[in-house]
Protein backbone atom coordinates (compact mmCIF):
# COMPACT_ATOMS: atom_id res chain seq x y z
CA MET A 1 -21.52 9.11 -0.35
CA ASN A 2 -19.91 6.24 1.35
CA LEU A 3 -16.38 5.99 2.32
CA THR A 4 -15.34 3.95 -0.41
CA ASN A 5 -16.59 5.99 -3.14
CA LYS A 6 -14.84 9.07 -1.24
CA ALA A 7 -11.52 7.14 -0.80
CA LEU A 8 -11.53 6.02 -4.81
CA LEU A 9 -12.53 9.52 -5.62
CA LEU A 10 -9.67 11.10 -3.82
CA THR A 11 -6.97 8.44 -5.29
CA ALA A 12 -8.55 9.32 -8.76
CA GLY A 13 -8.09 12.99 -8.00
CA ILE A 14 -4.37 12.33 -6.89
CA LEU A 15 -3.42 10.31 -9.78
CA GLY A 16 -4.97 12.23 -11.83
CA SER A 17 -3.93 15.93 -11.03
CA SER A 18 -0.55 15.34 -9.83
CA LEU A 19 1.00 12.27 -12.22
CA VAL A 20 3.46 14.97 -14.01
CA ASN A 21 4.73 15.15 -10.24
CA ALA A 22 4.78 11.53 -9.26
CA SER A 23 7.69 9.24 -8.82
CA THR A 24 5.31 6.19 -8.61
CA ALA A 25 2.06 5.04 -9.11
CA SER A 26 0.82 1.72 -8.98
CA VAL A 27 -2.41 -0.27 -9.15
CA ALA A 28 -2.97 -3.87 -8.45
CA LEU A 29 -6.19 -6.04 -9.07
CA THR A 30 -7.81 -9.09 -8.67
CA ASN A 31 -11.62 -10.14 -9.48
CA GLU A 32 -12.73 -9.10 -5.76
CA THR A 33 -10.50 -6.27 -4.67
CA VAL A 34 -8.26 -2.92 -6.24
CA LYS A 35 -5.39 -1.49 -4.86
CA SER A 36 -3.65 1.72 -5.76
CA ASP A 37 -0.69 4.03 -4.42
CA VAL A 38 1.05 7.03 -5.46
CA ASN A 39 4.61 8.07 -3.72
CA PHE A 40 5.96 11.43 -4.64
CA ASN A 41 9.89 11.36 -4.42
CA MET A 42 11.67 14.36 -2.44
CA GLY A 43 14.84 13.28 -2.68
CA THR A 44 15.78 11.61 0.26
CA PHE A 45 12.41 10.95 1.87
CA GLY A 46 9.09 10.70 0.21
CA ILE A 47 5.30 11.39 0.56
CA GLY A 48 2.51 8.89 -0.54
CA ALA A 49 -1.04 7.66 -0.57
CA GLY A 50 -3.06 4.98 -1.04
CA VAL A 51 -6.57 2.90 -0.95
CA SER A 52 -7.37 -0.77 -1.21
CA TYR A 53 -10.88 -1.99 -1.62
CA ASP A 54 -11.69 -5.82 -0.65
CA LYS A 55 -15.31 -6.31 -2.05
CA ASP A 56 -15.76 -9.64 -0.44
CA GLU A 57 -14.82 -8.61 3.05
CA SER A 58 -16.32 -4.98 2.67
CA VAL A 59 -13.23 -3.44 3.73
CA THR A 60 -11.80 -0.31 2.69
CA ALA A 61 -8.41 0.99 3.94
CA ALA A 62 -6.50 3.96 2.81
CA HIS A 63 -3.25 5.82 3.94
CA ILE A 64 -0.81 8.58 3.85
CA GLU A 65 2.86 8.03 4.22
CA LEU A 66 6.03 9.57 4.82
CA GLY A 67 9.34 7.66 4.83
CA VAL A 68 12.87 7.96 4.34
CA GLU A 69 14.32 6.34 1.05
CA ASP A 70 17.56 5.60 0.41
CA SER A 71 19.20 8.02 -2.19
CA ASP A 72 21.68 5.63 -4.23
CA THR A 73 19.57 4.21 -6.89
CA SER A 74 22.60 2.67 -8.72
CA GLY A 75 22.77 -0.47 -6.64
CA PRO A 76 20.73 -3.45 -7.03
CA LEU A 77 19.08 -2.95 -3.33
CA GLN A 78 17.05 -0.17 -2.71
CA VAL A 79 15.33 0.31 0.76
CA GLY A 80 12.36 2.80 2.41
CA LEU A 81 11.55 3.26 6.03
CA GLY A 82 8.73 5.07 7.34
CA ALA A 83 5.11 5.41 8.88
CA ARG A 84 1.82 4.90 7.41
CA LEU A 85 -1.59 6.56 8.63
CA TYR A 86 -4.00 4.33 8.05
CA GLY A 87 -8.03 4.59 8.16
CA ILE A 88 -9.85 1.84 7.93
CA ASP A 89 -13.66 0.95 7.20
CA ALA A 90 -14.99 -2.75 7.71
CA ASP A 91 -18.12 -1.83 8.23
CA LEU A 92 -18.75 -3.49 11.37
CA GLU A 93 -21.64 -3.88 12.97
CA PRO A 94 -23.52 -2.36 14.87
CA ASP A 95 -20.55 0.22 15.20
CA ASP A 96 -19.67 1.28 11.78
CA ASP A 97 -16.77 3.78 13.14
CA ILE A 98 -13.85 4.16 10.88
CA SER A 99 -10.74 2.62 12.88
CA VAL A 100 -7.52 4.30 12.63
CA ALA A 101 -3.94 3.18 13.38
CA LEU A 102 -0.06 4.36 12.56
CA ALA A 103 1.88 1.65 11.37
CA LEU A 104 5.80 1.57 11.30
CA GLY A 105 7.38 -0.41 8.05
CA GLY A 106 9.23 -0.17 5.27
CA TRP A 107 10.04 -1.92 1.95
CA TYR A 108 12.75 -3.11 -0.12
CA ARG A 109 13.67 -3.76 -3.89
CA TYR A 110 16.11 -6.20 -5.00
CA THR A 111 17.22 -6.22 -8.98
CA LEU A 112 19.07 -9.08 -10.10
CA PRO A 113 22.42 -7.86 -11.36
CA GLU A 114 22.61 -10.52 -14.08
CA ALA A 115 18.94 -9.86 -15.05
CA ASN A 116 18.46 -6.44 -14.21
CA ARG A 117 14.79 -6.48 -15.71
CA LEU A 118 13.81 -8.77 -12.89
CA SER A 119 13.38 -7.67 -9.17
CA ILE A 120 11.66 -8.55 -6.02
CA PHE A 121 9.88 -6.25 -4.02
CA GLY A 122 8.72 -6.56 -0.62
CA SER A 123 7.29 -4.57 2.04
CA LEU A 124 5.53 -4.88 5.79
CA TYR A 125 3.92 -2.34 8.10
CA TYR A 126 2.70 -3.10 11.67
CA ALA A 127 0.66 -1.08 13.93
CA PRO A 128 0.67 -2.40 17.40
CA GLU A 129 -1.77 -1.74 20.05
CA VAL A 130 -0.29 1.23 21.42
CA LEU A 131 -0.73 2.94 18.01
CA SER A 132 -3.91 1.58 17.07
CA PHE A 133 -7.15 3.48 17.91
CA LYS A 134 -11.00 3.38 17.73
CA ASN A 135 -11.87 -0.23 18.66
CA LEU A 136 -8.66 -1.77 16.72
CA ASP A 137 -6.16 -3.67 18.23
CA HIS A 138 -3.53 -4.08 16.07
CA MET A 139 -3.20 -4.52 12.06
CA TYR A 140 -0.26 -5.58 9.95
CA VAL A 141 -0.26 -5.51 5.91
CA TYR A 142 2.36 -7.24 4.13
CA GLU A 143 3.03 -7.47 0.07
CA LEU A 144 5.63 -9.42 -1.79
CA ARG A 145 6.08 -8.98 -5.54
CA ALA A 146 8.05 -10.54 -8.81
CA GLU A 147 8.53 -7.32 -10.88
CA TYR A 148 9.71 -7.32 -14.73
CA MET A 149 10.57 -4.01 -16.10
CA THR A 150 8.81 -3.92 -19.43
CA MET A 151 10.37 -0.52 -20.08
CA ARG A 152 12.25 2.01 -18.68
CA ASN A 153 9.44 3.61 -16.30
CA ALA A 154 6.99 0.90 -16.27
CA ARG A 155 7.25 -2.43 -14.25
CA ALA A 156 4.42 -5.52 -14.46
CA PHE A 157 4.20 -7.46 -11.36
CA ILE A 158 2.80 -10.65 -9.68
CA SER A 159 2.03 -9.96 -5.72
CA TYR A 160 0.77 -11.86 -2.69
CA GLY A 161 -0.15 -9.92 0.02
CA LYS A 162 -2.51 -9.51 3.12
CA THR A 163 -4.05 -6.89 5.08
CA THR A 164 -5.08 -8.29 8.60
CA VAL A 165 -7.17 -5.91 11.14
CA ILE A 166 -7.52 -7.26 14.67
CA TYR A 167 -10.25 -5.36 16.95
CA GLU A 168 -10.37 -5.12 20.61
CA ASP A 169 -13.38 -7.72 20.78
CA ASP A 170 -10.64 -10.43 19.08
CA SER A 171 -12.49 -10.01 15.67
CA ARG A 172 -10.70 -9.73 12.65
CA LYS A 173 -10.94 -8.68 9.42
CA ILE A 174 -8.39 -10.17 6.67
CA ALA A 175 -8.50 -8.30 3.27
CA ASN A 176 -6.70 -8.30 0.24
CA ASN A 177 -5.55 -11.41 1.05
CA GLY A 178 -3.94 -13.47 -2.14
CA PHE A 179 -2.22 -13.24 -5.53
CA SER A 180 -2.99 -9.98 -7.74
CA VAL A 181 -1.51 -8.62 -10.89
CA GLY A 182 -0.55 -4.82 -11.27
CA ALA A 183 1.70 -2.29 -12.96
CA SER A 184 4.01 0.31 -11.54
CA VAL A 185 4.74 3.57 -13.42
CA ASP A 186 7.86 5.73 -12.49
CA PHE A 187 7.73 9.46 -13.76
């Protein structure tokens, strides 16, 4: 079983077995990509996991995350900072190793006070050379989303994002690049 199937099964298991305890679960799709994340809110910090697969670029990326979150959710701005440990399988020839990186970054969500169902979400994670291993030079991941709260615990969104992975031989893979549609559910 290849890494893609293992990562998708792991994510399905996490989402399926622990939805009751999850704070947020989300999925985003295009014709060529699928991305899913789950985040468990533990008060002032969160633990998360996610996986993405880009069929056109043959890139699978999975991560686990530990972050500090803003405990005051009454205002229009929510913020989180943390670290993600990435495993990336890009089907490189002849070296088919899985690259590993520790990315630092964060996310924010701003809910418009005048239109409290609309929000803007952004995230950025960067792994410099010193935190990138196994033939990886550096990588970064970013995403911007326009969200609409369809009900109290669900949001539909349109997002633009990109995952860029640069290897030691100066080759690069750009995955999950472009617009996608998705939904997130809060528990």
